[in-house]
Every structure is written in structure tokens, then in C-alpha cells.
Amino acid sequence: MAFELVCPDQAPAPLIAPVALAPSAFAIRDEAPSDVDARESLLDDAFGPARFLKTCQRLRVGSVPAPGLALVATDNDGALIGTLRLWPVRAGGRAALLLGPLAVAAEHRALGIGRALIEESLARAAELGHRAVLLVGDAPYYARFGFERRFTERLTMPGPVERARFLGLELVGGALNGAQGRVLPAFAPALDLPQAA
């Protein structure tokens, strides 16, 4: 038995076109000294106080970002809504950069700001003659930019990290070929210390 529902007194519901939301406009620029408070607040919101305990932070303490590679994203009103820095390190005796931290304000996530900061920083790093970039982060997210685990298999960090999250990218082919040993701040002398994964 089949039934057909007929409502002759009701007109069909009008079709409503979906409203396309325009993405927030943003600009990427070099970080300025006046950005410090807003950057630190954004990093606190994104990572909390545990950010100071991370292994990557050990590589940043007492260092400064690589020249030209401390970037911020700002909205139309000039408010800081994203930050990314790259730091000079030695990766098993080879010059490299350490990417991070990357943070985007919660209300501006999923708008492509993080992607834009990464792409801009990698393009600038290549233009400035840097050869390789390392990071500790979400492998599926960073794979879209070319970061892979294979570049860090013989490298170690100065503290605990999840091996699957320790990734590298060669800006110049072969830059990390044969690289092995500890990742150290660029200004630190190479020491024979116990290795940590």
C-alpha cells in the first residue's frame, strides 16, 4: 500500500540561496616591537602556560627569531590575529630553522591565516637562502606544506617529543641528507650530551 501526502493549501517552501560568508580580510607583515604584548597574549590563549615547558621552547630561550622571519597577521583594524616565528638552529651540525610557535586567534581560525603565515614564512626563508626547516607539530596538517618525518629520522631534540610529530622540510634538495645528531640553538656549541628523542 502506498500513500501520497498532498497539502493543496500549502505553497512549496521558497528556496533560500545559501549566504556566502566572506572570509575575514587579513594582512601579513613583519613583527614589530609593539606587537609583543598582543603576541604573548595570543600564545597564552592558544597554548596556555605549558608552552614554556615544551622541548622546542628550550631551543628558543636566549635566542631571537631569524631576521625577516618573525611574522604576524592582522585584521582590518590592525589587531594581531596570528603569529609565526622561525628560529635559527643547528640540526646535526647543519644550519636549519625551527618553525613555531604558530598561533591564530580562536575567532579567526579556519580562514586560512595559519596556512598563509606558513607559506609566507617558507617563501621568505627560501629567498633569504635558508636550506631546511624543522618543527614539532601535527603531521597531517604540515604535510600539505611538504614537511615529512623522513628528514628528521636521525635527528634528536634536546628533550622529549613525539617522534611522529618531529618533521622536516628541505628548501634546497639534499639539505638534510645525512644529518644526524642533536638539534641545538644556532649560537650553542655542539656538546656531547645524552640524546633524547
Protein backbone atom coordinates (compact mmCIF):
# COMPACT_ATOMS: atom_id res chain seq x y z
CA MET A 1 0.00 0.00 0.00
CA ALA A 2 1.42 3.47 -0.91
CA PHE A 3 0.40 6.83 0.46
CA GLU A 4 0.87 10.24 -1.06
CA LEU A 5 0.75 13.28 1.15
CA VAL A 6 -0.93 16.16 -0.58
CA CYS A 7 -1.34 19.56 1.04
CA PRO A 8 -3.14 21.68 -1.51
CA ASP A 9 -3.46 24.65 0.83
CA GLN A 10 0.32 24.99 1.33
CA ALA A 11 2.60 26.56 -1.20
CA PRO A 12 6.02 24.97 -1.51
CA ALA A 13 8.66 26.50 0.71
CA PRO A 14 10.67 29.11 -1.16
CA LEU A 15 14.20 28.14 -1.96
CA ILE A 16 16.67 30.19 0.00
CA ALA A 17 20.06 30.69 -1.53
CA PRO A 18 22.85 29.95 0.92
CA VAL A 19 24.58 33.02 2.18
CA ALA A 20 28.23 33.02 1.26
CA LEU A 21 30.30 34.31 4.14
CA ALA A 22 33.23 36.38 3.02
CA PRO A 23 36.44 35.36 4.71
CA SER A 24 37.93 37.89 7.05
CA ALA A 25 40.48 40.07 5.37
CA PHE A 26 43.90 39.98 6.95
CA ALA A 27 47.40 41.18 6.23
CA ILE A 28 50.75 39.57 6.96
CA ARG A 29 53.65 41.76 7.98
CA ASP A 30 56.90 41.68 9.90
CA GLU A 31 56.50 41.52 13.65
CA ALA A 32 57.16 44.89 15.33
CA PRO A 33 58.31 45.61 18.90
CA SER A 34 54.83 47.00 19.59
CA ASP A 35 53.37 43.52 18.88
CA VAL A 36 54.99 41.84 21.91
CA ASP A 37 52.07 42.10 24.35
CA ALA A 38 49.45 41.05 21.80
CA ARG A 39 51.65 38.18 20.57
CA GLU A 40 52.25 36.87 24.08
CA SER A 41 48.53 37.11 24.89
CA LEU A 42 47.67 35.22 21.70
CA LEU A 43 50.22 32.49 22.53
CA ASP A 44 48.89 32.23 26.10
CA ASP A 45 45.35 31.81 24.76
CA ALA A 46 46.45 29.20 22.22
CA PHE A 47 48.84 27.12 24.33
CA GLY A 48 48.49 28.14 27.97
CA PRO A 49 51.36 28.21 30.44
CA ALA A 50 52.51 24.72 29.36
CA ARG A 51 54.02 26.32 26.26
CA PHE A 52 57.07 27.26 28.32
CA LEU A 53 57.70 23.60 29.16
CA LYS A 54 57.83 22.32 25.59
CA THR A 55 61.06 20.96 24.18
CA CYS A 56 61.02 23.46 21.30
CA GLN A 57 60.99 26.27 23.84
CA ARG A 58 64.39 25.06 25.07
CA LEU A 59 65.76 25.88 21.63
CA ARG A 60 64.26 29.37 21.67
CA VAL A 61 65.34 30.50 25.16
CA GLY A 62 68.02 33.17 24.89
CA SER A 63 67.70 33.31 21.10
CA VAL A 64 65.98 35.66 18.68
CA PRO A 65 63.99 34.74 15.59
CA ALA A 66 65.84 34.59 12.29
CA PRO A 67 65.97 38.05 10.68
CA GLY A 68 62.94 38.68 8.49
CA LEU A 69 61.17 35.55 9.74
CA ALA A 70 59.04 36.81 12.64
CA LEU A 71 55.61 37.38 11.11
CA VAL A 72 52.19 38.46 12.32
CA ALA A 73 48.75 38.53 10.76
CA THR A 74 46.48 41.47 11.49
CA ASP A 75 42.81 42.09 10.80
CA ASN A 76 41.34 45.13 9.03
CA ASP A 77 41.53 47.10 12.27
CA GLY A 78 45.20 46.28 12.77
CA ALA A 79 44.59 43.85 15.64
CA LEU A 80 47.08 40.98 15.84
CA ILE A 81 45.27 37.72 14.99
CA GLY A 82 48.15 35.41 14.09
CA THR A 83 51.83 34.88 14.78
CA LEU A 84 54.64 32.69 13.46
CA ARG A 85 58.39 32.79 14.00
CA LEU A 86 61.30 30.79 12.60
CA TRP A 87 64.42 30.35 14.70
CA PRO A 88 67.99 29.53 13.66
CA VAL A 89 69.16 26.12 14.86
CA ARG A 90 71.83 23.55 14.11
CA ALA A 91 70.40 20.19 13.04
CA GLY A 92 73.04 17.54 13.47
CA GLY A 93 75.66 20.17 12.63
CA ARG A 94 73.72 21.68 9.71
CA ALA A 95 72.15 25.12 9.61
CA ALA A 96 68.36 24.98 9.70
CA LEU A 97 65.34 26.86 11.01
CA LEU A 98 62.85 25.80 13.67
CA LEU A 99 59.26 26.80 12.87
CA GLY A 100 57.00 27.83 15.70
CA PRO A 101 55.04 28.60 17.55
CA LEU A 102 52.21 29.16 15.09
CA ALA A 103 49.03 30.57 16.62
CA VAL A 104 45.83 32.09 15.26
CA ALA A 105 43.17 33.78 17.38
CA ALA A 106 40.29 31.38 18.05
CA GLU A 107 37.68 33.52 16.33
CA HIS A 108 39.79 33.69 13.15
CA ARG A 109 40.71 30.02 12.76
CA ALA A 110 39.78 28.06 9.64
CA LEU A 111 40.11 31.17 7.48
CA GLY A 112 43.49 30.28 6.01
CA ILE A 113 45.56 32.57 8.24
CA GLY A 114 47.81 29.78 9.54
CA ARG A 115 48.35 28.49 6.01
CA ALA A 116 49.18 31.98 4.76
CA LEU A 117 51.67 32.56 7.60
CA ILE A 118 53.41 29.25 6.87
CA GLU A 119 53.54 29.80 3.11
CA GLU A 120 54.86 33.35 3.53
CA SER A 121 57.49 32.28 6.07
CA LEU A 122 58.73 29.40 3.91
CA ALA A 123 58.89 31.60 0.81
CA ARG A 124 60.86 34.24 2.73
CA ALA A 125 63.17 31.62 4.23
CA ALA A 126 63.97 30.28 0.76
CA GLU A 127 64.57 33.80 -0.59
CA LEU A 128 66.92 34.51 2.32
CA GLY A 129 68.98 31.43 1.47
CA HIS A 130 67.89 29.09 4.26
CA ARG A 131 68.07 25.44 3.31
CA ALA A 132 65.89 23.47 5.76
CA VAL A 133 63.10 23.89 8.31
CA LEU A 134 62.21 21.66 11.27
CA LEU A 135 59.16 21.64 13.52
CA VAL A 136 57.25 19.63 16.07
CA GLY A 137 53.58 19.62 15.11
CA ASP A 138 50.57 17.87 13.62
CA ALA A 139 51.93 15.74 10.77
CA PRO A 140 48.74 15.69 8.64
CA TYR A 141 48.45 19.49 8.84
CA TYR A 142 52.09 20.21 7.98
CA ALA A 143 52.34 17.52 5.28
CA ARG A 144 50.45 19.85 2.91
CA PHE A 145 53.48 22.17 3.02
CA GLY A 146 55.95 19.36 2.33
CA PHE A 147 57.06 18.53 5.89
CA GLU A 148 57.98 14.90 6.34
CA ARG A 149 59.19 12.61 9.10
CA ARG A 150 61.94 11.11 6.93
CA PHE A 151 64.02 14.29 7.21
CA THR A 152 64.30 14.02 11.00
CA GLU A 153 64.74 10.27 11.48
CA ARG A 154 68.38 10.62 12.54
CA LEU A 155 67.98 13.87 14.46
CA THR A 156 67.13 14.26 18.14
CA MET A 157 65.68 17.12 20.15
CA PRO A 158 67.05 18.39 23.50
CA GLY A 159 64.10 16.87 25.31
CA PRO A 160 61.09 14.60 24.78
CA VAL A 161 58.98 14.90 21.63
CA GLU A 162 56.62 12.52 19.87
CA ARG A 163 58.72 11.18 17.01
CA ALA A 164 55.74 11.19 14.64
CA ARG A 165 55.39 14.96 15.21
CA PHE A 166 59.07 15.81 14.61
CA LEU A 167 59.13 16.85 10.94
CA GLY A 168 61.44 18.48 8.43
CA LEU A 169 61.34 20.22 5.09
CA GLU A 170 64.20 20.77 2.68
CA LEU A 171 64.02 24.17 0.99
CA VAL A 172 67.05 23.08 -1.02
CA GLY A 173 67.14 19.45 -2.13
CA GLY A 174 69.57 17.38 -0.09
CA ALA A 175 69.94 19.98 2.68
CA LEU A 176 69.28 17.37 5.37
CA ASN A 177 70.90 14.38 3.63
CA GLY A 178 72.95 12.56 6.23
CA ALA A 179 72.03 14.99 9.02
CA GLN A 180 72.22 13.21 12.35
CA GLY A 181 72.57 14.17 15.96
CA ARG A 182 71.06 16.72 18.28
CA VAL A 183 69.19 19.86 17.28
CA LEU A 184 70.75 22.83 19.10
CA PRO A 185 70.27 26.58 19.11
CA ALA A 186 72.40 28.12 16.36
CA PHE A 187 74.54 30.00 18.85
CA ALA A 188 75.23 26.98 21.10
CA PRO A 189 78.46 24.98 20.79
CA ALA A 190 77.98 21.35 19.86
CA LEU A 191 78.19 19.37 23.11
CA ASP A 192 78.41 15.65 23.56
CA LEU A 193 75.25 15.25 25.67
CA PRO A 194 72.93 12.27 26.10
CA GLN A 195 70.47 12.04 23.23
CA ALA A 196 66.73 12.47 23.79
CA ALA A 197 64.06 11.57 21.26
